[in-house]
Amino acid sequence: MALNVGLIVILVLAVMLLVVLFKLREIKHHVGFVLIISVLLFFAITFTKVYNENKADSSTFEGLTQIIKIYSLWLSTAATNLFKIAGYAIQQDWSINATAP
């Protein structure tokens, strides 16, 4: 019986969450906790979305490697777009123009 990719992702995230919770209990930083949970939720939601849109076969090793490659490509494209947007925003003239009506 093959495990569903969604179930594998949830199990991995649950283990990661437990590790993070034990580490944060020692550190006791709430901001770090919120940040890590947000990142984990981002990866879980985006991975599920990419997996559902591409209908990869999760019962074979080739299917799993294919969805990981697709997700990696999606992440790199998203990061590239984010850097382009940030670069464009930085290049804008954000000063107050007193002559504008």
N, C-alpha and C. Protein backbone atom coordinates (compact mmCIF):
# COMPACT_ATOMS: atom_id res chain seq x y z
N MET A 1 0.84 -1.17 0.00
CA MET A 1 0.00 0.00 0.00
C MET A 1 0.89 1.24 0.00
N ALA A 2 0.78 2.05 -1.03
CA ALA A 2 1.61 3.24 -1.18
C ALA A 2 1.03 4.39 -0.37
N LEU A 3 1.93 5.14 0.24
CA LEU A 3 1.49 6.31 1.00
C LEU A 3 1.25 7.47 0.05
N ASN A 4 0.24 8.23 0.33
CA ASN A 4 -0.07 9.41 -0.45
C ASN A 4 0.96 10.50 -0.15
N VAL A 5 1.33 11.30 -1.14
CA VAL A 5 2.32 12.35 -0.96
C VAL A 5 1.84 13.36 0.07
N GLY A 6 0.57 13.67 0.07
CA GLY A 6 0.03 14.60 1.05
C GLY A 6 0.23 14.09 2.47
N LEU A 7 0.02 12.79 2.67
CA LEU A 7 0.21 12.19 3.99
C LEU A 7 1.68 12.25 4.39
N ILE A 8 2.57 11.99 3.45
CA ILE A 8 4.01 12.05 3.73
C ILE A 8 4.40 13.48 4.12
N VAL A 9 3.90 14.46 3.38
CA VAL A 9 4.21 15.87 3.69
C VAL A 9 3.70 16.22 5.08
N ILE A 10 2.50 15.80 5.41
CA ILE A 10 1.93 16.11 6.73
C ILE A 10 2.75 15.44 7.84
N LEU A 11 3.18 14.20 7.63
CA LEU A 11 3.99 13.52 8.63
C LEU A 11 5.35 14.21 8.82
N VAL A 12 5.97 14.58 7.72
CA VAL A 12 7.26 15.28 7.81
C VAL A 12 7.09 16.61 8.53
N LEU A 13 6.04 17.35 8.19
CA LEU A 13 5.80 18.63 8.85
C LEU A 13 5.49 18.46 10.34
N ALA A 14 4.79 17.39 10.69
CA ALA A 14 4.48 17.13 12.09
C ALA A 14 5.76 16.85 12.87
N VAL A 15 6.66 16.07 12.30
CA VAL A 15 7.93 15.78 12.97
C VAL A 15 8.75 17.05 13.10
N MET A 16 8.79 17.85 12.03
CA MET A 16 9.52 19.11 12.08
C MET A 16 8.92 20.04 13.13
N LEU A 17 7.61 20.07 13.23
CA LEU A 17 6.94 20.91 14.21
C LEU A 17 7.30 20.48 15.63
N LEU A 18 7.33 19.17 15.88
CA LEU A 18 7.70 18.69 17.21
C LEU A 18 9.13 19.08 17.56
N VAL A 19 10.03 18.95 16.60
CA VAL A 19 11.42 19.34 16.85
C VAL A 19 11.50 20.83 17.14
N VAL A 20 10.80 21.62 16.35
CA VAL A 20 10.81 23.07 16.54
C VAL A 20 10.21 23.43 17.90
N LEU A 21 9.12 22.77 18.28
CA LEU A 21 8.50 23.08 19.57
C LEU A 21 9.44 22.78 20.73
N PHE A 22 10.17 21.67 20.66
CA PHE A 22 11.11 21.36 21.74
C PHE A 22 12.27 22.35 21.76
N LYS A 23 12.74 22.77 20.60
CA LYS A 23 13.82 23.76 20.55
C LYS A 23 13.33 25.12 21.04
N LEU A 24 12.13 25.50 20.67
CA LEU A 24 11.60 26.81 21.08
C LEU A 24 11.26 26.84 22.56
N ARG A 25 10.98 25.68 23.13
CA ARG A 25 10.73 25.64 24.56
C ARG A 25 11.99 26.05 25.31
N GLU A 26 13.14 25.68 24.74
CA GLU A 26 14.40 26.07 25.34
C GLU A 26 14.69 27.55 25.08
N ILE A 27 14.38 28.04 23.89
CA ILE A 27 14.71 29.41 23.50
C ILE A 27 13.66 30.39 24.02
N LYS A 28 12.40 30.02 23.91
CA LYS A 28 11.26 30.83 24.35
C LYS A 28 11.15 32.15 23.61
N HIS A 29 11.22 32.10 22.30
CA HIS A 29 11.02 33.30 21.48
C HIS A 29 9.73 33.10 20.69
N HIS A 30 8.74 33.89 20.99
CA HIS A 30 7.46 33.75 20.32
C HIS A 30 7.51 34.19 18.86
N VAL A 31 8.33 35.17 18.58
CA VAL A 31 8.45 35.64 17.20
C VAL A 31 9.04 34.55 16.33
N GLY A 32 10.03 33.86 16.83
CA GLY A 32 10.63 32.75 16.10
C GLY A 32 9.63 31.63 15.87
N PHE A 33 8.81 31.38 16.87
CA PHE A 33 7.79 30.34 16.76
C PHE A 33 6.80 30.69 15.64
N VAL A 34 6.33 31.93 15.62
CA VAL A 34 5.38 32.36 14.60
C VAL A 34 6.02 32.31 13.22
N LEU A 35 7.26 32.72 13.13
CA LEU A 35 7.97 32.71 11.85
C LEU A 35 8.14 31.29 11.32
N ILE A 36 8.55 30.38 12.18
CA ILE A 36 8.75 28.99 11.74
C ILE A 36 7.43 28.34 11.35
N ILE A 37 6.40 28.57 12.11
CA ILE A 37 5.08 28.01 11.77
C ILE A 37 4.60 28.59 10.45
N SER A 38 4.82 29.88 10.23
CA SER A 38 4.41 30.50 8.97
C SER A 38 5.15 29.90 7.79
N VAL A 39 6.44 29.69 7.94
CA VAL A 39 7.23 29.09 6.86
C VAL A 39 6.77 27.66 6.58
N LEU A 40 6.53 26.89 7.63
CA LEU A 40 6.07 25.52 7.45
C LEU A 40 4.70 25.49 6.77
N LEU A 41 3.81 26.38 7.17
CA LEU A 41 2.49 26.45 6.52
C LEU A 41 2.62 26.86 5.06
N PHE A 42 3.51 27.81 4.78
CA PHE A 42 3.74 28.23 3.40
C PHE A 42 4.19 27.04 2.54
N PHE A 43 5.18 26.29 3.04
CA PHE A 43 5.66 25.15 2.27
C PHE A 43 4.59 24.07 2.12
N ALA A 44 3.81 23.82 3.15
CA ALA A 44 2.77 22.80 3.07
C ALA A 44 1.68 23.20 2.08
N ILE A 45 1.24 24.44 2.15
CA ILE A 45 0.16 24.89 1.26
C ILE A 45 0.63 24.95 -0.18
N THR A 46 1.82 25.51 -0.41
CA THR A 46 2.30 25.62 -1.79
C THR A 46 2.64 24.26 -2.38
N PHE A 47 3.20 23.35 -1.57
CA PHE A 47 3.50 22.02 -2.09
C PHE A 47 2.22 21.29 -2.47
N THR A 48 1.21 21.40 -1.63
CA THR A 48 -0.08 20.76 -1.92
C THR A 48 -0.69 21.33 -3.19
N LYS A 49 -0.61 22.65 -3.36
CA LYS A 49 -1.17 23.28 -4.56
C LYS A 49 -0.43 22.82 -5.82
N VAL A 50 0.89 22.82 -5.78
CA VAL A 50 1.67 22.38 -6.94
C VAL A 50 1.42 20.90 -7.22
N TYR A 51 1.33 20.09 -6.19
CA TYR A 51 1.07 18.65 -6.36
C TYR A 51 -0.30 18.42 -6.99
N ASN A 52 -1.31 19.12 -6.51
CA ASN A 52 -2.66 18.92 -7.04
C ASN A 52 -2.79 19.41 -8.48
N GLU A 53 -2.08 20.47 -8.85
CA GLU A 53 -2.16 20.99 -10.21
C GLU A 53 -1.43 20.12 -11.23
N ASN A 54 -0.40 19.39 -10.80
CA ASN A 54 0.41 18.62 -11.74
C ASN A 54 0.07 17.14 -11.77
N LYS A 55 -0.74 16.66 -10.87
CA LYS A 55 -1.23 15.28 -10.85
C LYS A 55 -0.10 14.26 -11.04
N ALA A 56 0.97 14.40 -10.27
CA ALA A 56 2.08 13.46 -10.35
C ALA A 56 1.70 12.15 -9.67
N ASP A 57 2.30 11.07 -10.13
CA ASP A 57 2.03 9.75 -9.58
C ASP A 57 2.87 9.56 -8.32
N SER A 58 2.24 9.54 -7.16
CA SER A 58 2.98 9.45 -5.91
C SER A 58 3.30 8.02 -5.50
N SER A 59 2.87 7.06 -6.29
CA SER A 59 3.12 5.67 -5.93
C SER A 59 4.45 5.16 -6.47
N THR A 60 5.12 5.93 -7.32
CA THR A 60 6.40 5.51 -7.86
C THR A 60 7.49 6.51 -7.46
N PHE A 61 8.72 6.03 -7.47
CA PHE A 61 9.85 6.89 -7.13
C PHE A 61 10.01 7.98 -8.18
N GLU A 62 9.79 7.63 -9.44
CA GLU A 62 9.90 8.62 -10.52
C GLU A 62 8.87 9.72 -10.36
N GLY A 63 7.68 9.36 -9.95
CA GLY A 63 6.64 10.36 -9.72
C GLY A 63 7.00 11.31 -8.59
N LEU A 64 7.57 10.75 -7.51
CA LEU A 64 7.98 11.59 -6.38
C LEU A 64 9.12 12.53 -6.78
N THR A 65 10.09 12.01 -7.53
CA THR A 65 11.18 12.88 -7.97
C THR A 65 10.67 13.95 -8.93
N GLN A 66 9.68 13.59 -9.74
CA GLN A 66 9.11 14.56 -10.68
C GLN A 66 8.42 15.70 -9.93
N ILE A 67 7.63 15.38 -8.92
CA ILE A 67 6.93 16.44 -8.19
C ILE A 67 7.90 17.29 -7.38
N ILE A 68 8.99 16.68 -6.89
CA ILE A 68 9.99 17.46 -6.16
C ILE A 68 10.71 18.41 -7.12
N LYS A 69 11.00 17.95 -8.33
CA LYS A 69 11.63 18.82 -9.33
C LYS A 69 10.69 19.96 -9.72
N ILE A 70 9.42 19.65 -9.90
CA ILE A 70 8.45 20.68 -10.27
C ILE A 70 8.31 21.70 -9.14
N TYR A 71 8.25 21.23 -7.90
CA TYR A 71 8.12 22.14 -6.76
C TYR A 71 9.37 23.00 -6.61
N SER A 72 10.54 22.42 -6.80
CA SER A 72 11.78 23.19 -6.73
C SER A 72 11.81 24.28 -7.79
N LEU A 73 11.38 23.93 -8.99
CA LEU A 73 11.31 24.92 -10.07
C LEU A 73 10.31 26.02 -9.72
N TRP A 74 9.18 25.63 -9.16
CA TRP A 74 8.16 26.61 -8.76
C TRP A 74 8.72 27.56 -7.70
N LEU A 75 9.43 27.01 -6.70
CA LEU A 75 10.02 27.85 -5.65
C LEU A 75 11.06 28.80 -6.21
N SER A 76 11.90 28.32 -7.12
CA SER A 76 12.92 29.20 -7.68
C SER A 76 12.29 30.30 -8.52
N THR A 77 11.23 29.98 -9.26
CA THR A 77 10.53 30.99 -10.04
C THR A 77 9.86 32.02 -9.13
N ALA A 78 9.26 31.55 -8.05
CA ALA A 78 8.63 32.48 -7.10
C ALA A 78 9.66 33.39 -6.46
N ALA A 79 10.83 32.86 -6.10
CA ALA A 79 11.88 33.68 -5.51
C ALA A 79 12.40 34.69 -6.52
N THR A 80 12.59 34.27 -7.77
CA THR A 80 13.05 35.18 -8.81
C THR A 80 12.05 36.32 -9.01
N ASN A 81 10.77 35.99 -9.06
CA ASN A 81 9.75 37.03 -9.21
C ASN A 81 9.73 37.98 -8.02
N LEU A 82 9.91 37.45 -6.82
CA LEU A 82 9.95 38.28 -5.63
C LEU A 82 11.12 39.25 -5.68
N PHE A 83 12.28 38.78 -6.10
CA PHE A 83 13.46 39.65 -6.20
C PHE A 83 13.27 40.69 -7.30
N LYS A 84 12.62 40.34 -8.40
CA LYS A 84 12.35 41.31 -9.46
C LYS A 84 11.42 42.42 -8.96
N ILE A 85 10.39 42.03 -8.23
CA ILE A 85 9.44 43.02 -7.70
C ILE A 85 10.14 43.93 -6.69
N ALA A 86 10.95 43.33 -5.81
CA ALA A 86 11.67 44.13 -4.82
C ALA A 86 12.65 45.08 -5.51
N GLY A 87 13.35 44.60 -6.53
CA GLY A 87 14.27 45.46 -7.26
C GLY A 87 13.56 46.60 -7.96
N TYR A 88 12.42 46.31 -8.53
CA TYR A 88 11.64 47.35 -9.19
C TYR A 88 11.17 48.39 -8.17
N ALA A 89 10.73 47.94 -7.02
CA ALA A 89 10.25 48.87 -5.99
C ALA A 89 11.39 49.74 -5.46
N ILE A 90 12.59 49.16 -5.34
CA ILE A 90 13.73 49.93 -4.86
C ILE A 90 14.12 51.01 -5.85
N GLN A 91 13.99 50.74 -7.15
CA GLN A 91 14.40 51.69 -8.18
C GLN A 91 13.42 52.85 -8.36
N GLN A 92 12.26 52.77 -7.76
CA GLN A 92 11.27 53.84 -7.91
C GLN A 92 11.66 55.07 -7.10
N ASP A 93 11.18 56.21 -7.54
CA ASP A 93 11.42 57.46 -6.82
C ASP A 93 10.34 57.59 -5.75
N TRP A 94 10.70 57.34 -4.51
CA TRP A 94 9.74 57.34 -3.41
C TRP A 94 9.74 58.68 -2.66
N SER A 95 10.45 59.65 -3.16
CA SER A 95 10.47 60.95 -2.47
C SER A 95 9.15 61.69 -2.69
N ILE A 96 8.88 62.64 -1.80
CA ILE A 96 7.66 63.44 -1.90
C ILE A 96 7.89 64.52 -2.94
N ASN A 97 6.98 64.61 -3.91
CA ASN A 97 7.09 65.61 -4.96
C ASN A 97 6.19 66.78 -4.58
N ALA A 98 6.79 67.89 -4.21
CA ALA A 98 6.02 69.05 -3.76
C ALA A 98 5.37 69.79 -4.92
N THR A 99 5.81 69.55 -6.15
CA THR A 99 5.24 70.29 -7.30
C THR A 99 4.05 69.57 -7.91
N ALA A 100 3.78 68.37 -7.49
CA ALA A 100 2.64 67.63 -8.05
C ALA A 100 1.34 68.23 -7.53
N PRO A 101 0.29 68.28 -8.39
CA PRO A 101 -0.99 68.87 -7.94
C PRO A 101 -1.70 68.00 -6.93
